[in-house]
Amino acid sequence: LVPGERAIVAVRHHWLSLSREIGAAIAATVLAFVVDVKVPTSEGGPMLLHNLSLLLWWGTMGWLVWTWLNWRREWFVATDKRFLLFYGFINRRVAMMPLLKVTDMTYDRSLLGRLVGYGKFMLESAGQDQALSTIDHVPDADTHYRAICTQLFGPASMLRFAPGGLPPQPPRDDDGPGDGG
């Protein structure tokens, strides 16, 4: 964060974002176990099936570990000035959108998201495609949504319009009606 910037939300994606990889690892484990127990080991075809199931298992476990390492390094951060998404295990990347550019923010919670506790934020800016437009699997999304909305639309949101404070006021006309003079 830059000096003077204050973090409002800093979260890692919900663990359920790894569901595809976890499901594949479970399926590969079951398949490898069934092949090991049910298929007799003999020369030729069955031994090749054993080796293939083991190769599939190792590949799936490697994919799960790689995805988990990336997940551990991925953070969604909302500050009083911008939204950031840090991602990448080896090649570190940062997607960013200034709060001033946000014209609309949609909050979505599917039935599964409500059951296990995550939601999705969709950010829009004035007719531009942004690198940071969808933040999915945000844990404790209700709390984070309220914190972000407070920043966007609460009393401090007036700072968005004029960096020095409140928006400029029109000049007063002291010679108008009712001023007694």
C-alpha atoms as a PDB file:
ATOM      1  CA  LEU A   1       0.000   0.000   0.000  1.00  0.00           C
ATOM      2  CA  VAL A   2       1.074   3.540  -0.618  1.00  0.00           C
ATOM      3  CA  PRO A   3       1.700   5.927   2.304  1.00  0.00           C
ATOM      4  CA  GLY A   4      -1.562   7.298   3.639  1.00  0.00           C
ATOM      5  CA  GLU A   5      -3.642   4.431   2.219  1.00  0.00           C
ATOM      6  CA  ARG A   6      -5.775   2.456   4.668  1.00  0.00           C
ATOM      7  CA  ALA A   7      -6.884  -1.159   4.121  1.00  0.00           C
ATOM      8  CA  ILE A   8     -10.605  -1.758   4.596  1.00  0.00           C
ATOM      9  CA  VAL A   9     -10.743  -5.410   3.521  1.00  0.00           C
ATOM     10  CA  ALA A  10      -7.884  -7.876   3.066  1.00  0.00           C
ATOM     11  CA  VAL A  11      -8.978 -11.463   2.461  1.00  0.00           C
ATOM     12  CA  ARG A  12      -7.909 -14.607   0.689  1.00  0.00           C
ATOM     13  CA  HIS A  13     -10.481 -16.334  -1.518  1.00  0.00           C
ATOM     14  CA  HIS A  14     -12.757 -18.828   0.201  1.00  0.00           C
ATOM     15  CA  TRP A  15     -11.329 -22.356   0.342  1.00  0.00           C
ATOM     16  CA  LEU A  16     -14.229 -23.570  -1.806  1.00  0.00           C
ATOM     17  CA  SER A  17     -12.581 -21.872  -4.785  1.00  0.00           C
ATOM     18  CA  LEU A  18     -10.369 -24.985  -4.793  1.00  0.00           C
ATOM     19  CA  SER A  19     -13.383 -27.331  -5.075  1.00  0.00           C
ATOM     20  CA  ARG A  20     -12.636 -28.430  -8.650  1.00  0.00           C
ATOM     21  CA  GLU A  21      -9.082 -29.415  -7.738  1.00  0.00           C
ATOM     22  CA  ILE A  22     -10.137 -31.091  -4.482  1.00  0.00           C
ATOM     23  CA  GLY A  23     -12.871 -33.035  -6.317  1.00  0.00           C
ATOM     24  CA  ALA A  24     -10.422 -34.150  -9.006  1.00  0.00           C
ATOM     25  CA  ALA A  25      -7.935 -35.288  -6.340  1.00  0.00           C
ATOM     26  CA  ILE A  26     -10.623 -37.302  -4.545  1.00  0.00           C
ATOM     27  CA  ALA A  27     -11.787 -38.872  -7.824  1.00  0.00           C
ATOM     28  CA  ALA A  28      -8.198 -39.753  -8.832  1.00  0.00           C
ATOM     29  CA  THR A  29      -7.587 -41.289  -5.395  1.00  0.00           C
ATOM     30  CA  VAL A  30     -10.741 -43.413  -5.611  1.00  0.00           C
ATOM     31  CA  LEU A  31      -9.886 -44.480  -9.169  1.00  0.00           C
ATOM     32  CA  ALA A  32      -6.309 -45.432  -8.213  1.00  0.00           C
ATOM     33  CA  PHE A  33      -7.601 -47.377  -5.207  1.00  0.00           C
ATOM     34  CA  VAL A  34     -10.250 -49.245  -7.233  1.00  0.00           C
ATOM     35  CA  VAL A  35      -7.761 -50.111  -9.979  1.00  0.00           C
ATOM     36  CA  ASP A  36      -5.253 -51.306  -7.383  1.00  0.00           C
ATOM     37  CA  VAL A  37      -7.813 -53.498  -5.575  1.00  0.00           C
ATOM     38  CA  LYS A  38      -9.965 -54.785  -8.442  1.00  0.00           C
ATOM     39  CA  VAL A  39      -7.635 -55.155 -11.426  1.00  0.00           C
ATOM     40  CA  PRO A  40      -5.263 -58.115 -11.162  1.00  0.00           C
ATOM     41  CA  THR A  41      -1.607 -57.378 -11.760  1.00  0.00           C
ATOM     42  CA  SER A  42      -0.249 -59.334 -14.654  1.00  0.00           C
ATOM     43  CA  GLU A  43       1.892 -58.718 -17.689  1.00  0.00           C
ATOM     44  CA  GLY A  44       0.621 -56.386 -20.395  1.00  0.00           C
ATOM     45  CA  GLY A  45      -2.670 -54.492 -20.201  1.00  0.00           C
ATOM     46  CA  PRO A  46      -3.582 -54.597 -16.492  1.00  0.00           C
ATOM     47  CA  MET A  47      -0.111 -53.449 -15.400  1.00  0.00           C
ATOM     48  CA  LEU A  48      -0.365 -50.553 -17.840  1.00  0.00           C
ATOM     49  CA  LEU A  49      -3.744 -49.652 -16.278  1.00  0.00           C
ATOM     50  CA  HIS A  50      -2.153 -49.633 -12.811  1.00  0.00           C
ATOM     51  CA  ASN A  51       0.660 -47.373 -14.019  1.00  0.00           C
ATOM     52  CA  LEU A  52      -1.756 -45.005 -15.785  1.00  0.00           C
ATOM     53  CA  SER A  53      -3.972 -44.704 -12.704  1.00  0.00           C
ATOM     54  CA  LEU A  54      -0.914 -43.942 -10.584  1.00  0.00           C
ATOM     55  CA  LEU A  55       0.325 -41.388 -13.124  1.00  0.00           C
ATOM     56  CA  LEU A  56      -3.121 -39.761 -13.135  1.00  0.00           C
ATOM     57  CA  TRP A  57      -3.100 -39.674  -9.322  1.00  0.00           C
ATOM     58  CA  TRP A  58       0.347 -38.020  -9.169  1.00  0.00           C
ATOM     59  CA  GLY A  59      -0.620 -35.498 -11.845  1.00  0.00           C
ATOM     60  CA  THR A  60      -3.838 -34.605 -10.035  1.00  0.00           C
ATOM     61  CA  MET A  61      -2.043 -34.239  -6.703  1.00  0.00           C
ATOM     62  CA  GLY A  62       0.580 -32.012  -8.341  1.00  0.00           C
ATOM     63  CA  TRP A  63      -2.206 -29.853  -9.826  1.00  0.00           C
ATOM     64  CA  LEU A  64      -3.883 -29.615  -6.403  1.00  0.00           C
ATOM     65  CA  VAL A  65      -0.634 -28.586  -4.677  1.00  0.00           C
ATOM     66  CA  TRP A  66       0.155 -26.007  -7.398  1.00  0.00           C
ATOM     67  CA  THR A  67      -3.329 -24.506  -7.199  1.00  0.00           C
ATOM     68  CA  TRP A  68      -3.184 -24.463  -3.393  1.00  0.00           C
ATOM     69  CA  LEU A  69       0.175 -22.637  -3.469  1.00  0.00           C
ATOM     70  CA  ASN A  70      -1.313 -20.047  -5.828  1.00  0.00           C
ATOM     71  CA  TRP A  71      -4.410 -19.755  -3.605  1.00  0.00           C
ATOM     72  CA  ARG A  72      -2.210 -19.084  -0.563  1.00  0.00           C
ATOM     73  CA  ARG A  73      -0.597 -16.132  -2.389  1.00  0.00           C
ATOM     74  CA  GLU A  74      -3.840 -14.622  -3.757  1.00  0.00           C
ATOM     75  CA  TRP A  75      -5.372 -11.704  -1.832  1.00  0.00           C
ATOM     76  CA  PHE A  76      -8.246  -9.320  -2.449  1.00  0.00           C
ATOM     77  CA  VAL A  77      -7.608  -5.960  -0.794  1.00  0.00           C
ATOM     78  CA  ALA A  78      -9.958  -2.983  -0.712  1.00  0.00           C
ATOM     79  CA  THR A  79      -8.484   0.255   0.553  1.00  0.00           C
ATOM     80  CA  ASP A  80      -9.870   3.736   0.985  1.00  0.00           C
ATOM     81  CA  LYS A  81      -8.449   4.563  -2.473  1.00  0.00           C
ATOM     82  CA  ARG A  82      -8.605   1.411  -4.656  1.00  0.00           C
ATOM     83  CA  PHE A  83      -9.368  -2.275  -5.116  1.00  0.00           C
ATOM     84  CA  LEU A  84      -6.411  -4.636  -5.530  1.00  0.00           C
ATOM     85  CA  LEU A  85      -6.110  -8.312  -6.423  1.00  0.00           C
ATOM     86  CA  PHE A  86      -2.690  -9.837  -5.737  1.00  0.00           C
ATOM     87  CA  TYR A  87      -2.173 -13.190  -7.446  1.00  0.00           C
ATOM     88  CA  GLY A  88       0.461 -15.557  -8.803  1.00  0.00           C
ATOM     89  CA  PHE A  89       2.892 -17.850  -7.026  1.00  0.00           C
ATOM     90  CA  ILE A  90       5.940 -17.476  -9.258  1.00  0.00           C
ATOM     91  CA  ASN A  91       4.980 -14.494 -11.417  1.00  0.00           C
ATOM     92  CA  ARG A  92       3.471 -12.041  -8.944  1.00  0.00           C
ATOM     93  CA  ARG A  93       0.750  -9.845 -10.459  1.00  0.00           C
ATOM     94  CA  VAL A  94      -1.477  -7.084  -9.145  1.00  0.00           C
ATOM     95  CA  ALA A  95      -4.765  -6.008 -10.711  1.00  0.00           C
ATOM     96  CA  MET A  96      -5.996  -2.621  -9.508  1.00  0.00           C
ATOM     97  CA  MET A  97      -8.999  -0.334  -9.899  1.00  0.00           C
ATOM     98  CA  PRO A  98      -9.182   3.106  -8.270  1.00  0.00           C
ATOM     99  CA  LEU A  99     -12.353   3.762  -6.271  1.00  0.00           C
ATOM    100  CA  LEU A 100     -12.922   6.897  -8.355  1.00  0.00           C
ATOM    101  CA  LYS A 101     -13.415   4.697 -11.438  1.00  0.00           C
ATOM    102  CA  VAL A 102     -16.057   2.438  -9.851  1.00  0.00           C
ATOM    103  CA  THR A 103     -19.487   3.349 -11.208  1.00  0.00           C
ATOM    104  CA  ASP A 104     -21.338   0.248 -10.052  1.00  0.00           C
ATOM    105  CA  MET A 105     -20.697  -2.660  -7.703  1.00  0.00           C
ATOM    106  CA  THR A 106     -22.906  -5.736  -7.796  1.00  0.00           C
ATOM    107  CA  TYR A 107     -22.928  -8.214  -4.931  1.00  0.00           C
ATOM    108  CA  ASP A 108     -24.049 -11.774  -5.621  1.00  0.00           C
ATOM    109  CA  ARG A 109     -24.444 -14.751  -3.306  1.00  0.00           C
ATOM    110  CA  SER A 110     -25.539 -18.064  -4.743  1.00  0.00           C
ATOM    111  CA  LEU A 111     -27.338 -20.642  -2.615  1.00  0.00           C
ATOM    112  CA  LEU A 112     -24.075 -22.540  -2.147  1.00  0.00           C
ATOM    113  CA  GLY A 113     -22.325 -19.264  -1.297  1.00  0.00           C
ATOM    114  CA  ARG A 114     -24.907 -18.537   1.402  1.00  0.00           C
ATOM    115  CA  LEU A 115     -24.577 -22.058   2.814  1.00  0.00           C
ATOM    116  CA  VAL A 116     -20.779 -22.087   3.094  1.00  0.00           C
ATOM    117  CA  GLY A 117     -20.139 -18.349   3.481  1.00  0.00           C
ATOM    118  CA  TYR A 118     -18.823 -16.669   0.346  1.00  0.00           C
ATOM    119  CA  GLY A 119     -19.998 -14.173  -2.261  1.00  0.00           C
ATOM    120  CA  LYS A 120     -18.985 -12.450  -5.485  1.00  0.00           C
ATOM    121  CA  PHE A 121     -18.377  -8.755  -6.220  1.00  0.00           C
ATOM    122  CA  MET A 122     -18.660  -7.437  -9.768  1.00  0.00           C
ATOM    123  CA  LEU A 123     -17.154  -4.001 -10.350  1.00  0.00           C
ATOM    124  CA  GLU A 124     -17.983  -1.770 -13.293  1.00  0.00           C
ATOM    125  CA  SER A 125     -16.311   1.391 -14.452  1.00  0.00           C
ATOM    126  CA  ALA A 126     -17.382   4.019 -16.964  1.00  0.00           C
ATOM    127  CA  GLY A 127     -17.568   1.938 -20.143  1.00  0.00           C
ATOM    128  CA  GLN A 128     -14.121   0.379 -19.795  1.00  0.00           C
ATOM    129  CA  ASP A 129     -13.012  -3.217 -19.450  1.00  0.00           C
ATOM    130  CA  GLN A 130     -10.895  -3.479 -16.330  1.00  0.00           C
ATOM    131  CA  ALA A 131      -8.431  -6.131 -15.247  1.00  0.00           C
ATOM    132  CA  LEU A 132     -10.286  -6.246 -11.954  1.00  0.00           C
ATOM    133  CA  SER A 133     -13.976  -6.687 -12.700  1.00  0.00           C
ATOM    134  CA  THR A 134     -15.011  -9.847 -10.819  1.00  0.00           C
ATOM    135  CA  ILE A 135     -13.862 -10.949  -7.390  1.00  0.00           C
ATOM    136  CA  ASP A 136     -15.337 -14.366  -6.686  1.00  0.00           C
ATOM    137  CA  HIS A 137     -15.297 -16.521  -3.553  1.00  0.00           C
ATOM    138  CA  VAL A 138     -14.978 -13.626  -1.082  1.00  0.00           C
ATOM    139  CA  PRO A 139     -15.345 -15.125   2.411  1.00  0.00           C
ATOM    140  CA  ASP A 140     -17.671 -13.443   4.915  1.00  0.00           C
ATOM    141  CA  ALA A 141     -18.954 -11.417   1.987  1.00  0.00           C
ATOM    142  CA  ASP A 142     -21.773  -9.643   3.858  1.00  0.00           C
ATOM    143  CA  THR A 143     -19.358  -8.005   6.295  1.00  0.00           C
ATOM    144  CA  HIS A 144     -16.884  -7.069   3.571  1.00  0.00           C
ATOM    145  CA  TYR A 145     -19.648  -5.716   1.321  1.00  0.00           C
ATOM    146  CA  ARG A 146     -20.887  -3.432   4.104  1.00  0.00           C
ATOM    147  CA  ALA A 147     -17.339  -2.211   4.820  1.00  0.00           C
ATOM    148  CA  ILE A 148     -16.745  -1.420   1.141  1.00  0.00           C
ATOM    149  CA  CYS A 149     -20.137   0.297   0.763  1.00  0.00           C
ATOM    150  CA  THR A 150     -19.440   2.383   3.852  1.00  0.00           C
ATOM    151  CA  GLN A 151     -16.224   3.533   2.202  1.00  0.00           C
ATOM    152  CA  LEU A 152     -17.890   4.143  -1.178  1.00  0.00           C
ATOM    153  CA  PHE A 153     -21.103   5.762   0.028  1.00  0.00           C
ATOM    154  CA  GLY A 154     -20.644   6.691   3.708  1.00  0.00           C
ATOM    155  CA  PRO A 155     -19.690  10.096   5.142  1.00  0.00           C
ATOM    156  CA  ALA A 156     -16.071   9.692   4.052  1.00  0.00           C
ATOM    157  CA  SER A 157     -17.192   9.112   0.478  1.00  0.00           C
ATOM    158  CA  MET A 158     -17.344  12.877  -0.046  1.00  0.00           C
ATOM    159  CA  LEU A 159     -13.559  12.722  -0.221  1.00  0.00           C
ATOM    160  CA  ARG A 160     -13.948  10.954  -3.576  1.00  0.00           C
ATOM    161  CA  PHE A 161     -15.251  14.138  -5.184  1.00  0.00           C
ATOM    162  CA  ALA A 162     -12.635  16.610  -4.011  1.00  0.00           C
ATOM    163  CA  PRO A 163      -9.269  15.308  -2.789  1.00  0.00           C
ATOM    164  CA  GLY A 164      -8.984  18.159  -0.300  1.00  0.00           C
ATOM    165  CA  GLY A 165     -12.320  17.513   1.419  1.00  0.00           C
ATOM    166  CA  LEU A 166     -15.943  18.263   0.643  1.00  0.00           C
ATOM    167  CA  PRO A 167     -17.073  19.170  -2.874  1.00  0.00           C
ATOM    168  CA  PRO A 168     -16.732  22.878  -3.645  1.00  0.00           C
ATOM    169  CA  GLN A 169     -19.789  24.884  -2.642  1.00  0.00           C
ATOM    170  CA  PRO A 170     -21.296  27.482  -5.006  1.00  0.00           C
ATOM    171  CA  PRO A 171     -20.558  31.082  -3.967  1.00  0.00           C
ATOM    172  CA  ARG A 172     -23.178  32.656  -1.723  1.00  0.00           C
ATOM    173  CA  ASP A 173     -25.024  35.680  -2.940  1.00  0.00           C
ATOM    174  CA  ASP A 174     -25.110  37.973   0.115  1.00  0.00           C
ATOM    175  CA  ASP A 175     -27.263  40.520  -1.677  1.00  0.00           C
ATOM    176  CA  GLY A 176     -30.150  38.121  -2.183  1.00  0.00           C
ATOM    177  CA  PRO A 177     -33.690  38.431  -0.825  1.00  0.00           C
ATOM    178  CA  GLY A 178     -34.239  38.042   2.872  1.00  0.00           C
ATOM    179  CA  ASP A 179     -30.825  39.199   4.034  1.00  0.00           C
ATOM    180  CA  GLY A 180     -32.169  42.541   5.205  1.00  0.00           C
ATOM    181  CA  GLY A 181     -29.915  44.688   3.176  1.00  0.00           C
END
